[in-house]
Amino acid sequence: MQLSPGKLVVHPHHGPAAVTNRTQRTVKGAEVTYIELTVRSSGLVVSIPESRVEEVGIREVYDRAHLRKLLEVVQESSGVEEKQWSRRMKANQEKVASGMLEQIAEVVRDLGRRRDTKGLSMAEKDLFRSAQVPLAAEVGLALGITEDEAVEVIDAVANGASLDELGFAEDASDSEPAMA
């Protein structure tokens, strides 16, 4: 992946960020190239050695095909729910902490459905909100919409809206999505 100033990428724990600079630093007598990222949501500046970008998990913004697969995760059935709250909470926290959007989408799906049927504890409500943030940021970034509009798209998909009707037909990779 070519990282030049101005490029938009996604940090696995901080979300969307812009490459703002490439600098050289001397570390233990060797010249090391660092990439500076400015996180969009917080303004936080993160410096990462260029050689470790993949190891850290810096990636490009999802394209429409990958975004469709992510939204399909939100549409899938939830499967068997862990009955013990502490185990369910720990498993969901680990998924969110992984930074992997597919796992985060599972948490948003499962907690959203639980919220609508049985209700959520305060801790689960907080986890649901924190899981929505990176998912909505990615969807919004990929579609060029606000995060609030992205939450509407995610909710529509979770509630059974057809991906094709929302503009995510498998063969319509260049068409714009319809808003829910």
N, C-alpha and C. Protein backbone atom coordinates (compact mmCIF):
# COMPACT_ATOMS: atom_id res chain seq x y z
N MET A 1 0.85 -1.17 0.00
CA MET A 1 0.00 0.00 0.00
C MET A 1 0.90 1.23 0.00
N GLN A 2 0.59 2.13 -0.90
CA GLN A 2 1.34 3.37 -1.02
C GLN A 2 0.77 4.40 -0.05
N LEU A 3 1.59 4.87 0.89
CA LEU A 3 1.13 5.84 1.88
C LEU A 3 1.78 7.19 1.62
N SER A 4 1.02 8.06 0.99
CA SER A 4 1.51 9.41 0.72
C SER A 4 0.61 10.41 1.44
N PRO A 5 1.15 11.58 1.77
CA PRO A 5 0.35 12.58 2.48
C PRO A 5 -0.97 12.85 1.76
N GLY A 6 -2.05 12.89 2.57
CA GLY A 6 -3.38 13.12 2.04
C GLY A 6 -4.21 11.85 1.88
N LYS A 7 -3.54 10.70 1.85
CA LYS A 7 -4.26 9.44 1.68
C LYS A 7 -5.05 9.11 2.94
N LEU A 8 -6.27 8.61 2.75
CA LEU A 8 -7.12 8.21 3.86
C LEU A 8 -6.97 6.71 4.09
N VAL A 9 -6.69 6.34 5.34
CA VAL A 9 -6.52 4.94 5.71
C VAL A 9 -7.32 4.68 6.99
N VAL A 10 -7.32 3.43 7.43
CA VAL A 10 -8.03 3.08 8.66
C VAL A 10 -7.05 2.41 9.62
N HIS A 11 -6.97 2.96 10.83
CA HIS A 11 -6.17 2.37 11.90
C HIS A 11 -7.09 1.42 12.65
N PRO A 12 -6.63 0.21 13.00
CA PRO A 12 -7.54 -0.77 13.61
C PRO A 12 -8.14 -0.35 14.95
N HIS A 13 -7.49 0.54 15.67
CA HIS A 13 -8.02 0.94 16.98
C HIS A 13 -8.48 2.38 17.04
N HIS A 14 -8.01 3.22 16.12
CA HIS A 14 -8.37 4.63 16.15
C HIS A 14 -9.35 5.03 15.05
N GLY A 15 -9.54 4.17 14.05
CA GLY A 15 -10.47 4.45 12.97
C GLY A 15 -9.83 5.22 11.83
N PRO A 16 -10.68 5.90 11.04
CA PRO A 16 -10.18 6.63 9.87
C PRO A 16 -9.14 7.68 10.24
N ALA A 17 -8.10 7.73 9.43
CA ALA A 17 -7.01 8.69 9.66
C ALA A 17 -6.42 9.09 8.32
N ALA A 18 -5.90 10.30 8.28
CA ALA A 18 -5.25 10.80 7.07
C ALA A 18 -3.74 10.73 7.26
N VAL A 19 -3.04 10.30 6.22
CA VAL A 19 -1.58 10.34 6.24
C VAL A 19 -1.21 11.81 6.12
N THR A 20 -0.48 12.32 7.10
CA THR A 20 -0.15 13.74 7.08
C THR A 20 1.32 14.01 6.81
N ASN A 21 2.17 13.01 7.05
CA ASN A 21 3.60 13.29 6.87
C ASN A 21 4.38 11.98 6.82
N ARG A 22 5.53 12.05 6.18
CA ARG A 22 6.53 10.97 6.22
C ARG A 22 7.81 11.61 6.72
N THR A 23 8.37 11.05 7.77
CA THR A 23 9.58 11.63 8.35
C THR A 23 10.64 10.55 8.52
N GLN A 24 11.88 11.01 8.60
CA GLN A 24 13.01 10.12 8.88
C GLN A 24 13.47 10.39 10.30
N ARG A 25 13.71 9.33 11.04
CA ARG A 25 14.25 9.44 12.40
C ARG A 25 15.41 8.47 12.52
N THR A 26 16.35 8.84 13.37
CA THR A 26 17.45 7.94 13.66
C THR A 26 17.11 7.17 14.93
N VAL A 27 17.01 5.85 14.79
CA VAL A 27 16.67 4.98 15.91
C VAL A 27 17.78 3.96 16.05
N LYS A 28 18.49 4.01 17.19
CA LYS A 28 19.61 3.10 17.46
C LYS A 28 20.63 3.10 16.31
N GLY A 29 20.87 4.30 15.79
CA GLY A 29 21.89 4.46 14.75
C GLY A 29 21.41 4.18 13.34
N ALA A 30 20.17 3.77 13.15
CA ALA A 30 19.65 3.47 11.81
C ALA A 30 18.56 4.47 11.44
N GLU A 31 18.52 4.83 10.16
CA GLU A 31 17.47 5.72 9.66
C GLU A 31 16.18 4.92 9.47
N VAL A 32 15.11 5.39 10.08
CA VAL A 32 13.81 4.72 9.98
C VAL A 32 12.79 5.73 9.46
N THR A 33 12.01 5.30 8.48
CA THR A 33 10.94 6.16 7.95
C THR A 33 9.67 5.92 8.75
N TYR A 34 9.10 7.03 9.22
CA TYR A 34 7.85 6.98 9.98
C TYR A 34 6.73 7.62 9.17
N ILE A 35 5.55 7.05 9.31
CA ILE A 35 4.34 7.60 8.71
C ILE A 35 3.55 8.24 9.84
N GLU A 36 3.14 9.49 9.66
CA GLU A 36 2.31 10.17 10.64
C GLU A 36 0.87 10.14 10.16
N LEU A 37 -0.01 9.69 11.04
CA LEU A 37 -1.44 9.65 10.75
C LEU A 37 -2.16 10.59 11.70
N THR A 38 -3.12 11.34 11.20
CA THR A 38 -3.97 12.17 12.04
C THR A 38 -5.35 11.56 12.03
N VAL A 39 -5.79 11.11 13.20
CA VAL A 39 -7.08 10.45 13.34
C VAL A 39 -8.18 11.49 13.16
N ARG A 40 -9.14 11.17 12.29
CA ARG A 40 -10.20 12.12 11.94
C ARG A 40 -11.08 12.48 13.13
N SER A 41 -11.46 11.52 13.95
CA SER A 41 -12.43 11.79 15.00
C SER A 41 -11.85 12.57 16.18
N SER A 42 -10.56 12.39 16.45
CA SER A 42 -10.00 13.01 17.65
C SER A 42 -8.85 13.98 17.39
N GLY A 43 -8.29 13.95 16.19
CA GLY A 43 -7.14 14.80 15.91
C GLY A 43 -5.83 14.22 16.44
N LEU A 44 -5.90 13.05 17.05
CA LEU A 44 -4.73 12.37 17.58
C LEU A 44 -3.73 12.12 16.45
N VAL A 45 -2.45 12.37 16.69
CA VAL A 45 -1.41 12.09 15.71
C VAL A 45 -0.67 10.83 16.15
N VAL A 46 -0.62 9.86 15.26
CA VAL A 46 0.02 8.58 15.53
C VAL A 46 1.18 8.41 14.56
N SER A 47 2.36 8.08 15.07
CA SER A 47 3.53 7.81 14.22
C SER A 47 3.82 6.32 14.24
N ILE A 48 4.00 5.77 13.05
CA ILE A 48 4.24 4.34 12.92
C ILE A 48 5.41 4.13 11.97
N PRO A 49 6.36 3.27 12.35
CA PRO A 49 7.43 2.97 11.40
C PRO A 49 6.82 2.38 10.12
N GLU A 50 7.24 2.87 8.99
CA GLU A 50 6.67 2.42 7.71
C GLU A 50 6.78 0.90 7.55
N SER A 51 7.84 0.32 8.06
CA SER A 51 8.05 -1.12 7.93
C SER A 51 7.06 -1.93 8.76
N ARG A 52 6.35 -1.29 9.70
CA ARG A 52 5.42 -2.01 10.57
C ARG A 52 3.96 -1.69 10.28
N VAL A 53 3.69 -0.99 9.19
CA VAL A 53 2.33 -0.57 8.87
C VAL A 53 1.38 -1.78 8.78
N GLU A 54 1.78 -2.81 8.06
CA GLU A 54 0.93 -3.99 7.92
C GLU A 54 0.77 -4.72 9.25
N GLU A 55 1.85 -4.83 10.00
CA GLU A 55 1.81 -5.50 11.30
C GLU A 55 0.85 -4.81 12.26
N VAL A 56 0.83 -3.49 12.23
CA VAL A 56 -0.08 -2.71 13.08
C VAL A 56 -1.53 -2.90 12.62
N GLY A 57 -1.72 -3.11 11.33
CA GLY A 57 -3.07 -3.33 10.80
C GLY A 57 -3.64 -2.14 10.06
N ILE A 58 -2.79 -1.20 9.67
CA ILE A 58 -3.24 -0.06 8.88
C ILE A 58 -3.71 -0.61 7.54
N ARG A 59 -4.90 -0.17 7.10
CA ARG A 59 -5.44 -0.67 5.84
C ARG A 59 -6.17 0.43 5.10
N GLU A 60 -6.46 0.15 3.84
CA GLU A 60 -7.22 1.10 3.04
C GLU A 60 -8.69 1.04 3.44
N VAL A 61 -9.43 2.08 3.10
CA VAL A 61 -10.87 2.12 3.35
C VAL A 61 -11.51 1.02 2.51
N TYR A 62 -12.51 0.36 3.08
CA TYR A 62 -13.21 -0.71 2.36
C TYR A 62 -13.80 -0.21 1.05
N ASP A 63 -13.71 -1.05 0.02
CA ASP A 63 -14.41 -0.75 -1.22
C ASP A 63 -15.84 -1.27 -1.10
N ARG A 64 -16.66 -1.03 -2.12
CA ARG A 64 -18.08 -1.40 -2.04
C ARG A 64 -18.29 -2.90 -1.88
N ALA A 65 -17.47 -3.72 -2.53
CA ALA A 65 -17.63 -5.17 -2.42
C ALA A 65 -17.35 -5.64 -0.99
N HIS A 66 -16.29 -5.10 -0.39
CA HIS A 66 -15.96 -5.48 0.99
C HIS A 66 -17.01 -4.93 1.96
N LEU A 67 -17.51 -3.74 1.66
CA LEU A 67 -18.55 -3.13 2.49
C LEU A 67 -19.82 -3.98 2.44
N ARG A 68 -20.15 -4.51 1.28
CA ARG A 68 -21.32 -5.39 1.17
C ARG A 68 -21.14 -6.61 2.07
N LYS A 69 -19.95 -7.21 2.05
CA LYS A 69 -19.70 -8.38 2.89
C LYS A 69 -19.83 -8.02 4.37
N LEU A 70 -19.36 -6.84 4.73
CA LEU A 70 -19.47 -6.38 6.12
C LEU A 70 -20.94 -6.22 6.51
N LEU A 71 -21.73 -5.64 5.63
CA LEU A 71 -23.15 -5.45 5.92
C LEU A 71 -23.90 -6.77 5.92
N GLU A 72 -23.41 -7.74 5.16
CA GLU A 72 -24.02 -9.08 5.20
C GLU A 72 -23.85 -9.71 6.58
N VAL A 73 -22.74 -9.41 7.26
CA VAL A 73 -22.54 -9.89 8.63
C VAL A 73 -23.63 -9.31 9.54
N VAL A 74 -23.96 -8.05 9.33
CA VAL A 74 -25.00 -7.40 10.14
C VAL A 74 -26.36 -8.05 9.87
N GLN A 75 -26.56 -8.55 8.66
CA GLN A 75 -27.84 -9.17 8.28
C GLN A 75 -27.98 -10.61 8.76
N GLU A 76 -26.88 -11.30 8.95
CA GLU A 76 -26.92 -12.72 9.31
C GLU A 76 -27.67 -12.94 10.61
N SER A 77 -28.11 -14.19 10.81
CA SER A 77 -28.76 -14.52 12.08
C SER A 77 -27.70 -14.53 13.19
N SER A 78 -28.15 -14.29 14.39
CA SER A 78 -27.23 -14.14 15.52
C SER A 78 -26.64 -15.45 16.02
N GLY A 79 -27.31 -16.55 15.82
CA GLY A 79 -26.80 -17.80 16.35
C GLY A 79 -27.16 -17.95 17.82
N VAL A 80 -26.50 -18.87 18.49
CA VAL A 80 -26.80 -19.16 19.89
C VAL A 80 -26.19 -18.09 20.78
N GLU A 81 -27.02 -17.54 21.67
CA GLU A 81 -26.56 -16.49 22.57
C GLU A 81 -26.09 -17.10 23.89
N GLU A 82 -24.94 -16.63 24.34
CA GLU A 82 -24.43 -17.04 25.66
C GLU A 82 -25.39 -16.52 26.72
N LYS A 83 -25.85 -17.40 27.59
CA LYS A 83 -26.83 -17.02 28.62
C LYS A 83 -26.20 -16.25 29.78
N GLN A 84 -24.96 -16.60 30.12
CA GLN A 84 -24.31 -15.94 31.25
C GLN A 84 -23.79 -14.57 30.81
N TRP A 85 -24.27 -13.53 31.49
CA TRP A 85 -23.96 -12.16 31.12
C TRP A 85 -22.46 -11.90 31.06
N SER A 86 -21.72 -12.32 32.07
CA SER A 86 -20.29 -12.00 32.14
C SER A 86 -19.52 -12.63 30.97
N ARG A 87 -19.87 -13.83 30.60
CA ARG A 87 -19.20 -14.48 29.46
C ARG A 87 -19.57 -13.79 28.14
N ARG A 88 -20.84 -13.46 28.01
CA ARG A 88 -21.30 -12.77 26.79
C ARG A 88 -20.60 -11.41 26.67
N MET A 89 -20.53 -10.70 27.79
CA MET A 89 -19.91 -9.38 27.80
C MET A 89 -18.42 -9.49 27.46
N LYS A 90 -17.72 -10.44 28.06
CA LYS A 90 -16.30 -10.61 27.80
C LYS A 90 -16.05 -10.95 26.34
N ALA A 91 -16.84 -11.85 25.77
CA ALA A 91 -16.68 -12.23 24.37
C ALA A 91 -16.90 -11.03 23.46
N ASN A 92 -17.93 -10.24 23.75
CA ASN A 92 -18.19 -9.06 22.92
C ASN A 92 -17.11 -8.00 23.07
N GLN A 93 -16.59 -7.82 24.29
CA GLN A 93 -15.50 -6.86 24.50
C GLN A 93 -14.26 -7.27 23.72
N GLU A 94 -13.96 -8.56 23.70
CA GLU A 94 -12.80 -9.05 22.96
C GLU A 94 -12.96 -8.82 21.46
N LYS A 95 -14.17 -9.02 20.96
CA LYS A 95 -14.43 -8.77 19.53
C LYS A 95 -14.21 -7.30 19.19
N VAL A 96 -14.71 -6.41 20.03
CA VAL A 96 -14.55 -4.98 19.77
C VAL A 96 -13.07 -4.59 19.87
N ALA A 97 -12.38 -5.12 20.87
CA ALA A 97 -10.96 -4.80 21.07
C ALA A 97 -10.08 -5.33 19.95
N SER A 98 -10.55 -6.33 19.21
CA SER A 98 -9.76 -6.89 18.12
C SER A 98 -9.51 -5.88 17.01
N GLY A 99 -10.43 -4.91 16.86
CA GLY A 99 -10.31 -3.94 15.79
C GLY A 99 -10.75 -4.48 14.44
N MET A 100 -11.16 -5.75 14.39
CA MET A 100 -11.60 -6.36 13.14
C MET A 100 -13.08 -6.02 12.91
N LEU A 101 -13.36 -5.31 11.82
CA LEU A 101 -14.71 -4.82 11.60
C LEU A 101 -15.75 -5.92 11.47
N GLU A 102 -15.38 -7.07 10.95
CA GLU A 102 -16.35 -8.17 10.85
C GLU A 102 -16.80 -8.60 12.25
N GLN A 103 -15.87 -8.67 13.19
CA GLN A 103 -16.22 -9.04 14.55
C GLN A 103 -17.00 -7.92 15.24
N ILE A 104 -16.64 -6.68 14.97
CA ILE A 104 -17.37 -5.54 15.53
C ILE A 104 -18.79 -5.52 14.99
N ALA A 105 -18.95 -5.84 13.70
CA ALA A 105 -20.29 -5.90 13.09
C ALA A 105 -21.14 -6.97 13.78
N GLU A 106 -20.53 -8.08 14.16
CA GLU A 106 -21.26 -9.13 14.89
C GLU A 106 -21.78 -8.59 16.23
N VAL A 107 -20.95 -7.82 16.92
CA VAL A 107 -21.35 -7.26 18.22
C VAL A 107 -22.50 -6.27 18.03
N VAL A 108 -22.39 -5.40 17.02
CA VAL A 108 -23.45 -4.44 16.75
C VAL A 108 -24.75 -5.18 16.42
N ARG A 109 -24.65 -6.20 15.59
CA ARG A 109 -25.83 -7.00 15.22
C ARG A 109 -26.46 -7.65 16.45
N ASP A 110 -25.65 -8.37 17.21
CA ASP A 110 -26.18 -9.14 18.34
C ASP A 110 -26.71 -8.25 19.46
N LEU A 111 -25.98 -7.20 19.80
CA LEU A 111 -26.46 -6.31 20.86
C LEU A 111 -27.66 -5.49 20.40
N GLY A 112 -27.69 -5.12 19.13
CA GLY A 112 -28.85 -4.40 18.60
C GLY A 112 -30.11 -5.25 18.68
N ARG A 113 -29.98 -6.52 18.33
CA ARG A 113 -31.14 -7.42 18.41
C ARG A 113 -31.54 -7.68 19.86
N ARG A 114 -30.56 -7.84 20.71
CA ARG A 114 -30.87 -8.05 22.13
C ARG A 114 -31.54 -6.81 22.71
N ARG A 115 -31.08 -5.63 22.33
CA ARG A 115 -31.68 -4.37 22.79
C ARG A 115 -33.16 -4.32 22.40
N ASP A 116 -33.47 -4.76 21.18
CA ASP A 116 -34.83 -4.70 20.68
C ASP A 116 -35.75 -5.76 21.28
N THR A 117 -35.18 -6.85 21.80
CA THR A 117 -36.02 -7.93 22.33
C THR A 117 -36.02 -8.00 23.86
N LYS A 118 -34.85 -8.02 24.46
CA LYS A 118 -34.76 -8.22 25.91
C LYS A 118 -34.25 -7.01 26.67
N GLY A 119 -33.65 -6.07 25.96
CA GLY A 119 -33.04 -4.93 26.61
C GLY A 119 -31.59 -5.20 26.94
N LEU A 120 -30.84 -4.13 27.20
CA LEU A 120 -29.41 -4.23 27.50
C LEU A 120 -29.11 -3.66 28.87
N SER A 121 -28.10 -4.23 29.51
CA SER A 121 -27.60 -3.65 30.75
C SER A 121 -26.87 -2.35 30.40
N MET A 122 -26.55 -1.55 31.39
CA MET A 122 -25.82 -0.30 31.12
C MET A 122 -24.47 -0.58 30.46
N ALA A 123 -23.78 -1.62 30.93
CA ALA A 123 -22.48 -1.96 30.33
C ALA A 123 -22.64 -2.38 28.88
N GLU A 124 -23.70 -3.14 28.59
CA GLU A 124 -23.94 -3.56 27.20
C GLU A 124 -24.33 -2.37 26.33
N LYS A 125 -25.08 -1.43 26.87
CA LYS A 125 -25.43 -0.21 26.11
C LYS A 125 -24.16 0.55 25.75
N ASP A 126 -23.26 0.68 26.71
CA ASP A 126 -21.99 1.37 26.44
C ASP A 126 -21.17 0.64 25.39
N LEU A 127 -21.12 -0.69 25.49
CA LEU A 127 -20.38 -1.49 24.52
C LEU A 127 -21.01 -1.38 23.15
N PHE A 128 -22.33 -1.39 23.08
CA PHE A 128 -23.04 -1.24 21.81
C PHE A 128 -22.68 0.08 21.15
N ARG A 129 -22.70 1.17 21.93
CA ARG A 129 -22.35 2.49 21.38
C ARG A 129 -20.90 2.53 20.92
N SER A 130 -20.00 1.94 21.72
CA SER A 130 -18.58 1.97 21.33
C SER A 130 -18.32 1.07 20.12
N ALA A 131 -19.11 0.03 19.93
CA ALA A 131 -18.95 -0.83 18.75
C ALA A 131 -19.51 -0.16 17.51
N GLN A 132 -20.55 0.66 17.68
CA GLN A 132 -21.14 1.35 16.53
C GLN A 132 -20.19 2.37 15.92
N VAL A 133 -19.34 2.98 16.75
CA VAL A 133 -18.48 4.07 16.28
C VAL A 133 -17.57 3.65 15.12
N PRO A 134 -16.74 2.60 15.26
CA PRO A 134 -15.86 2.26 14.14
C PRO A 134 -16.63 1.71 12.93
N LEU A 135 -17.73 1.02 13.19
CA LEU A 135 -18.52 0.48 12.08
C LEU A 135 -19.16 1.62 11.29
N ALA A 136 -19.77 2.56 11.98
CA ALA A 136 -20.39 3.70 11.31
C ALA A 136 -19.35 4.58 10.62
N ALA A 137 -18.19 4.72 11.23
CA ALA A 137 -17.12 5.51 10.60
C ALA A 137 -16.70 4.89 9.28
N GLU A 138 -16.54 3.58 9.26
CA GLU A 138 -16.13 2.89 8.02
C GLU A 138 -17.21 2.98 6.96
N VAL A 139 -18.45 2.71 7.34
CA VAL A 139 -19.55 2.76 6.37
C VAL A 139 -19.69 4.19 5.84
N GLY A 140 -19.65 5.17 6.73
CA GLY A 140 -19.76 6.57 6.30
C GLY A 140 -18.63 6.98 5.37
N LEU A 141 -17.43 6.58 5.72
CA LEU A 141 -16.26 6.91 4.90
C LEU A 141 -16.34 6.26 3.53
N ALA A 142 -16.70 4.98 3.52
CA ALA A 142 -16.78 4.23 2.26
C ALA A 142 -17.88 4.76 1.34
N LEU A 143 -18.97 5.24 1.93
CA LEU A 143 -20.10 5.71 1.13
C LEU A 143 -20.14 7.22 0.94
N GLY A 144 -19.27 7.93 1.66
CA GLY A 144 -19.26 9.39 1.55
C GLY A 144 -20.47 10.02 2.21
N ILE A 145 -20.91 9.45 3.34
CA ILE A 145 -22.05 9.98 4.08
C ILE A 145 -21.62 10.26 5.51
N THR A 146 -22.48 10.93 6.26
CA THR A 146 -22.14 11.22 7.66
C THR A 146 -22.25 9.93 8.48
N GLU A 147 -21.66 9.96 9.65
CA GLU A 147 -21.74 8.79 10.53
C GLU A 147 -23.17 8.56 11.01
N ASP A 148 -23.94 9.62 11.20
CA ASP A 148 -25.35 9.45 11.58
C ASP A 148 -26.13 8.75 10.47
N GLU A 149 -25.88 9.13 9.22
CA GLU A 149 -26.52 8.46 8.09
C GLU A 149 -26.05 7.01 7.99
N ALA A 150 -24.78 6.77 8.31
CA ALA A 150 -24.24 5.41 8.28
C ALA A 150 -24.92 4.54 9.33
N VAL A 151 -25.20 5.10 10.52
CA VAL A 151 -25.92 4.36 11.56
C VAL A 151 -27.31 3.98 11.04
N GLU A 152 -27.96 4.90 10.31
CA GLU A 152 -29.27 4.60 9.73
C GLU A 152 -29.18 3.44 8.74
N VAL A 153 -28.13 3.42 7.92
CA VAL A 153 -27.94 2.33 6.96
C VAL A 153 -27.73 1.02 7.71
N ILE A 154 -26.89 1.03 8.73
CA ILE A 154 -26.61 -0.18 9.51
C ILE A 154 -27.89 -0.68 10.19
N ASP A 155 -28.66 0.24 10.78
CA ASP A 155 -29.91 -0.15 11.43
C ASP A 155 -30.89 -0.73 10.42
N ALA A 156 -30.98 -0.12 9.24
CA ALA A 156 -31.89 -0.61 8.21
C ALA A 156 -31.50 -2.03 7.80
N VAL A 157 -30.21 -2.27 7.62
CA VAL A 157 -29.72 -3.59 7.23
C VAL A 157 -30.01 -4.60 8.35
N ALA A 158 -29.75 -4.21 9.59
CA ALA A 158 -29.98 -5.11 10.72
C ALA A 158 -31.46 -5.46 10.87
N ASN A 159 -32.33 -4.55 10.44
CA ASN A 159 -33.77 -4.77 10.54
C ASN A 159 -34.36 -5.39 9.29
N GLY A 160 -33.50 -5.92 8.41
CA GLY A 160 -33.99 -6.70 7.28
C GLY A 160 -34.05 -6.00 5.95
N ALA A 161 -33.59 -4.76 5.85
CA ALA A 161 -33.61 -4.09 4.55
C ALA A 161 -32.70 -4.84 3.58
N SER A 162 -33.13 -4.94 2.36
CA SER A 162 -32.36 -5.63 1.34
C SER A 162 -31.14 -4.81 0.94
N LEU A 163 -30.00 -5.46 0.88
CA LEU A 163 -28.79 -4.76 0.44
C LEU A 163 -28.94 -4.29 -1.00
N ASP A 164 -29.62 -5.07 -1.82
CA ASP A 164 -29.85 -4.68 -3.21
C ASP A 164 -30.68 -3.40 -3.28
N GLU A 165 -31.73 -3.32 -2.43
CA GLU A 165 -32.59 -2.13 -2.42
C GLU A 165 -31.84 -0.90 -1.89
N LEU A 166 -30.86 -1.13 -1.05
CA LEU A 166 -30.07 -0.02 -0.53
C LEU A 166 -28.95 0.39 -1.48
N GLY A 167 -28.87 -0.28 -2.62
CA GLY A 167 -27.86 0.08 -3.62
C GLY A 167 -26.60 -0.75 -3.54
N PHE A 168 -26.67 -1.91 -2.90
CA PHE A 168 -25.50 -2.77 -2.77
C PHE A 168 -25.65 -4.04 -3.58
N ALA A 169 -26.26 -3.93 -4.76
CA ALA A 169 -26.38 -5.10 -5.62
C ALA A 169 -24.98 -5.60 -5.93
N GLU A 170 -24.82 -6.92 -5.95
CA GLU A 170 -23.48 -7.49 -6.13
C GLU A 170 -22.83 -7.06 -7.43
N ASP A 171 -23.63 -6.79 -8.46
CA ASP A 171 -23.05 -6.40 -9.75
C ASP A 171 -23.02 -4.89 -9.94
N ALA A 172 -23.50 -4.11 -8.97
CA ALA A 172 -23.56 -2.65 -9.09
C ALA A 172 -22.47 -2.01 -8.27
N SER A 173 -21.23 -2.33 -8.59
CA SER A 173 -20.12 -1.85 -7.77
C SER A 173 -19.87 -0.36 -7.87
N ASP A 174 -20.33 0.28 -8.95
CA ASP A 174 -20.07 1.71 -9.11
C ASP A 174 -21.28 2.58 -8.80
N SER A 175 -22.45 1.97 -8.57
CA SER A 175 -23.63 2.78 -8.33
C SER A 175 -23.65 3.30 -6.90
N GLU A 176 -24.33 4.40 -6.73
CA GLU A 176 -24.44 5.01 -5.39
C GLU A 176 -25.56 4.31 -4.62
N PRO A 177 -25.39 4.14 -3.31
CA PRO A 177 -26.44 3.50 -2.52
C PRO A 177 -27.62 4.45 -2.30
N ALA A 178 -28.79 3.88 -2.19
CA ALA A 178 -29.96 4.66 -1.81
C ALA A 178 -29.93 4.82 -0.30
N MET A 179 -30.38 5.94 0.20
CA MET A 179 -30.38 6.15 1.65
C MET A 179 -31.65 5.63 2.25
N ALA A 180 -31.53 5.05 3.44
CA ALA A 180 -32.69 4.50 4.15
C ALA A 180 -33.54 5.62 4.69
